[in-house]
Amino acid sequence: FAQVGMSKIFQKFRKAHGLPLSWKEGSNVVNEREVPFTYVWSSSLIPKPADWGRHISIAGFCELEGSGFKGEPPTDIASWIKRDDAKRGPPLFVGFGSCVL
């Protein structure tokens, strides 16, 4: 994704070093070269697709010991989690892995 924002710099570098201006392998290089890759989620949550090669594995969830939240959440958050609203249903969390927001 770095190439999107820095394409002019990359093109200038490639031209100065006699390289082709476009890189043919693109984002599929991991699959084409069968670079070993592991996803860190549970296969019970999302099973490994049948078309993924043997170089791709699913390890399951990982957590450093002692890194999880311990104790009771604040009262306002606890009541929000326990709310019983037929229209909205229970809360849903969607995380983005290591993305820091």
Protein backbone atom coordinates (compact mmCIF):
# COMPACT_ATOMS: atom_id res chain seq x y z
CA PHE A 1 0.00 0.00 0.00
CA ALA A 2 2.98 2.30 0.39
CA GLN A 3 3.23 2.56 -3.38
CA VAL A 4 -0.10 4.40 -3.55
CA GLY A 5 1.20 7.41 -1.62
CA MET A 6 4.82 7.20 -2.72
CA SER A 7 4.52 6.10 -6.35
CA LYS A 8 6.40 9.12 -7.78
CA ILE A 9 9.36 8.46 -5.47
CA PHE A 10 9.36 4.77 -6.38
CA GLN A 11 9.14 5.53 -10.10
CA LYS A 12 12.06 7.98 -9.88
CA PHE A 13 14.16 5.39 -7.99
CA ARG A 14 13.30 2.60 -10.44
CA LYS A 15 14.11 4.81 -13.47
CA ALA A 16 17.44 5.93 -11.95
CA HIS A 17 18.47 2.30 -11.40
CA GLY A 18 17.36 0.98 -14.78
CA LEU A 19 14.43 -1.00 -13.36
CA PRO A 20 11.07 -1.41 -15.09
CA LEU A 21 8.65 1.30 -13.98
CA SER A 22 6.01 -1.17 -12.86
CA TRP A 23 6.46 -4.20 -10.67
CA LYS A 24 4.63 -7.12 -12.25
CA GLU A 25 4.28 -9.35 -9.18
CA GLY A 26 2.10 -6.96 -7.20
CA SER A 27 0.28 -8.00 -4.06
CA ASN A 28 -0.04 -11.62 -5.20
CA VAL A 29 3.69 -12.29 -4.66
CA VAL A 30 2.96 -14.07 -1.35
CA ASN A 31 0.73 -16.59 -3.08
CA GLU A 32 2.77 -16.96 -6.25
CA ARG A 33 5.95 -17.70 -4.30
CA GLU A 34 4.10 -19.63 -1.56
CA VAL A 35 5.60 -17.53 1.22
CA PRO A 36 4.49 -19.10 4.53
CA PHE A 37 1.86 -16.91 6.18
CA THR A 38 -0.21 -17.33 9.33
CA TYR A 39 -3.48 -15.62 10.25
CA VAL A 40 -4.17 -15.15 13.96
CA TRP A 41 -7.87 -15.90 14.38
CA SER A 42 -9.86 -18.97 15.31
CA SER A 43 -10.79 -21.35 12.51
CA SER A 44 -14.06 -21.80 14.44
CA LEU A 45 -14.77 -18.15 13.68
CA ILE A 46 -13.60 -18.13 10.05
CA PRO A 47 -12.56 -21.51 8.59
CA LYS A 48 -9.61 -21.65 6.21
CA PRO A 49 -11.00 -21.32 2.67
CA ALA A 50 -10.53 -24.38 0.48
CA ASP A 51 -8.68 -22.38 -2.20
CA TRP A 52 -5.91 -21.22 0.17
CA GLY A 53 -2.62 -23.03 -0.37
CA ARG A 54 -0.75 -25.14 2.15
CA HIS A 55 1.62 -22.21 2.79
CA ILE A 56 -1.21 -20.35 4.58
CA SER A 57 -2.27 -21.42 8.05
CA ILE A 58 -4.63 -20.24 10.79
CA ALA A 59 -3.06 -20.30 14.26
CA GLY A 60 -5.97 -19.31 16.47
CA PHE A 61 -6.11 -16.40 18.88
CA CYS A 62 -3.04 -15.31 20.84
CA GLU A 63 -2.87 -13.30 24.03
CA LEU A 64 0.05 -12.33 26.20
CA GLU A 65 -0.44 -13.58 29.72
CA GLY A 66 -1.75 -10.77 31.89
CA SER A 67 -2.62 -8.48 28.97
CA GLY A 68 -6.41 -8.90 29.20
CA PHE A 69 -8.82 -6.68 31.11
CA LYS A 70 -9.52 -7.88 34.63
CA GLY A 71 -12.34 -6.80 36.90
CA GLU A 72 -15.73 -5.27 36.32
CA PRO A 73 -16.34 -2.60 33.68
CA PRO A 74 -17.61 0.83 34.77
CA THR A 75 -21.35 0.89 35.61
CA ASP A 76 -22.42 2.79 32.47
CA ILE A 77 -20.58 0.37 30.19
CA ALA A 78 -21.92 -2.68 32.08
CA SER A 79 -25.52 -1.44 31.73
CA TRP A 80 -24.99 -0.75 28.02
CA ILE A 81 -23.66 -4.29 27.49
CA LYS A 82 -26.57 -5.83 29.41
CA ARG A 83 -29.26 -3.72 27.74
CA ASP A 84 -32.29 -5.58 26.51
CA ASP A 85 -33.42 -3.76 23.42
CA ALA A 86 -35.36 -5.88 20.89
CA LYS A 87 -34.81 -3.32 18.12
CA ARG A 88 -31.05 -3.03 18.45
CA GLY A 89 -30.08 -6.42 19.83
CA PRO A 90 -26.85 -7.06 21.74
CA PRO A 91 -23.78 -4.91 21.14
CA LEU A 92 -21.34 -6.05 18.46
CA PHE A 93 -17.60 -5.39 18.47
CA VAL A 94 -15.62 -5.20 15.24
CA GLY A 95 -11.87 -4.97 15.73
CA PHE A 96 -9.15 -4.13 13.25
CA GLY A 97 -6.31 -6.18 14.69
CA SER A 98 -3.26 -4.10 15.33
CA CYS A 99 -4.72 -0.87 13.90
CA VAL A 100 -4.43 1.85 16.48
CA LEU A 101 -7.25 4.39 16.35
